[in-house]
Amino acid sequence: MKKNITTVLIIAVIIFFWILRSPEETSGLTGFAQCLASKNITMYGADWCSHCQNEKKAFGSSFKYVPYVECPDNPKQCVDADIQGYPTWIFPDGRKLEGEQGIIKLSEASGCNID
């Protein structure tokens, strides 16, 4: 009986920690975000922009790896980049994707795979 209780407790602890895994561990987007960074693909946006918030949420905790410029805090950088709206993704070749893209379109445009 005591062995059964111990086994159940061990299983419960394993399930508890499995559920609490970070989104980064479960989303598979860290490699994708790092690939965007390695290709110098940058998102320009603003915290108050709902479309920017959607882009960030799509990456979950992996967004921290995405090169990002907060335009209200860096107006000169955004003017120099000719940002006309938020979000705007700029590629090193000068190509721009304006508006909310989603990770699938970003993957296709960048050549970075979603894990």
Protein backbone atom coordinates (compact mmCIF):
# COMPACT_ATOMS: atom_id res chain seq x y z
CA MET A 1 0.00 0.00 0.00
CA LYS A 2 2.80 2.42 0.92
CA LYS A 3 4.58 1.60 -2.33
CA ASN A 4 1.43 2.46 -4.32
CA ILE A 5 1.10 5.86 -2.59
CA THR A 6 4.76 6.63 -3.31
CA THR A 7 4.33 5.68 -6.95
CA VAL A 8 1.21 7.86 -7.29
CA LEU A 9 3.02 10.80 -5.67
CA ILE A 10 5.99 10.45 -8.01
CA ILE A 11 3.70 10.34 -11.03
CA ALA A 12 1.79 13.38 -9.74
CA VAL A 13 5.03 15.36 -9.35
CA ILE A 14 6.15 14.41 -12.86
CA ILE A 15 2.80 15.48 -14.33
CA PHE A 16 2.89 18.73 -12.33
CA PHE A 17 6.31 19.70 -13.68
CA TRP A 18 5.38 18.62 -17.20
CA ILE A 19 2.37 20.96 -17.10
CA LEU A 20 4.50 23.84 -15.77
CA ARG A 21 7.07 23.65 -18.55
CA SER A 22 7.66 27.08 -19.99
CA PRO A 23 6.03 27.97 -23.34
CA GLU A 24 9.57 28.28 -24.72
CA GLU A 25 10.15 24.60 -24.03
CA THR A 26 6.85 23.52 -25.52
CA SER A 27 6.35 25.99 -28.37
CA GLY A 28 9.37 25.08 -30.47
CA LEU A 29 9.73 28.73 -31.50
CA THR A 30 13.06 29.52 -29.89
CA GLY A 31 15.01 28.18 -32.87
CA PHE A 32 12.73 30.07 -35.24
CA ALA A 33 13.20 33.35 -33.34
CA GLN A 34 16.96 32.81 -33.18
CA CYS A 35 17.02 32.14 -36.92
CA LEU A 36 15.27 35.47 -37.57
CA ALA A 37 17.90 37.14 -35.39
CA SER A 38 20.77 35.41 -37.17
CA LYS A 39 19.39 36.73 -40.47
CA ASN A 40 19.08 40.26 -39.04
CA ILE A 41 15.31 40.39 -39.55
CA THR A 42 13.90 43.06 -37.26
CA MET A 43 10.40 43.88 -36.09
CA TYR A 44 9.49 47.53 -35.57
CA GLY A 45 6.45 48.26 -33.44
CA ALA A 46 4.85 49.92 -30.44
CA ASP A 47 3.60 48.50 -27.15
CA TRP A 48 0.15 50.05 -27.64
CA CYS A 49 -0.26 48.42 -31.08
CA SER A 50 -2.65 45.44 -30.88
CA HIS A 51 -1.18 43.86 -34.04
CA CYS A 52 2.30 44.13 -32.54
CA GLN A 53 1.03 42.48 -29.37
CA ASN A 54 -0.41 39.63 -31.46
CA GLU A 55 2.94 39.13 -33.22
CA LYS A 56 4.76 39.04 -29.88
CA LYS A 57 2.22 36.64 -28.34
CA ALA A 58 2.60 34.25 -31.28
CA PHE A 59 6.25 33.78 -30.28
CA GLY A 60 5.48 33.36 -26.59
CA SER A 61 8.56 33.64 -24.40
CA SER A 62 10.75 33.12 -27.47
CA PHE A 63 10.05 36.68 -28.62
CA LYS A 64 12.99 37.79 -26.47
CA TYR A 65 15.26 36.44 -29.24
CA VAL A 66 13.59 38.47 -32.00
CA PRO A 67 15.34 41.74 -32.89
CA TYR A 68 12.78 44.38 -31.96
CA VAL A 69 12.69 48.17 -32.06
CA GLU A 70 10.11 49.98 -29.94
CA CYS A 71 9.46 52.99 -32.18
CA PRO A 72 8.05 55.41 -29.58
CA ASP A 73 11.30 54.91 -27.63
CA ASN A 74 13.50 55.09 -30.75
CA PRO A 75 11.82 57.55 -33.13
CA LYS A 76 14.95 58.43 -35.12
CA GLN A 77 15.72 54.77 -35.78
CA CYS A 78 12.17 54.22 -37.03
CA VAL A 79 12.14 57.38 -39.16
CA ASP A 80 15.49 56.37 -40.67
CA ALA A 81 14.02 52.93 -41.44
CA ASP A 82 10.99 54.64 -43.07
CA ILE A 83 8.49 52.85 -40.83
CA GLN A 84 4.99 53.77 -42.03
CA GLY A 85 2.95 51.51 -39.75
CA TYR A 86 3.16 48.87 -37.06
CA PRO A 87 4.28 46.19 -37.04
CA THR A 88 6.85 46.32 -39.80
CA TRP A 89 9.39 43.56 -40.37
CA ILE A 90 12.53 44.62 -42.20
CA PHE A 91 14.90 42.19 -43.89
CA PRO A 92 18.60 42.95 -44.50
CA ASP A 93 17.95 43.25 -48.24
CA GLY A 94 15.54 46.14 -47.52
CA ARG A 95 12.38 44.12 -48.05
CA LYS A 96 9.53 45.09 -45.70
CA LEU A 97 6.51 43.19 -44.49
CA GLU A 98 4.01 45.67 -43.12
CA GLY A 99 1.16 44.72 -40.83
CA GLU A 100 0.53 41.60 -38.80
CA GLN A 101 2.16 38.63 -40.54
CA GLY A 102 1.94 35.63 -38.25
CA ILE A 103 4.68 33.07 -37.80
CA ILE A 104 3.82 30.97 -40.85
CA LYS A 105 4.16 33.88 -43.27
CA LEU A 106 7.34 35.00 -41.48
CA SER A 107 8.71 31.50 -41.81
CA GLU A 108 7.98 31.41 -45.56
CA ALA A 109 9.42 34.90 -46.13
CA SER A 110 12.54 34.35 -44.04
CA GLY A 111 13.37 30.74 -44.85
CA CYS A 112 13.52 30.03 -41.12
CA ASN A 113 11.81 26.80 -40.10
CA ILE A 114 9.29 26.52 -37.28
CA ASP A 115 10.41 23.62 -35.10
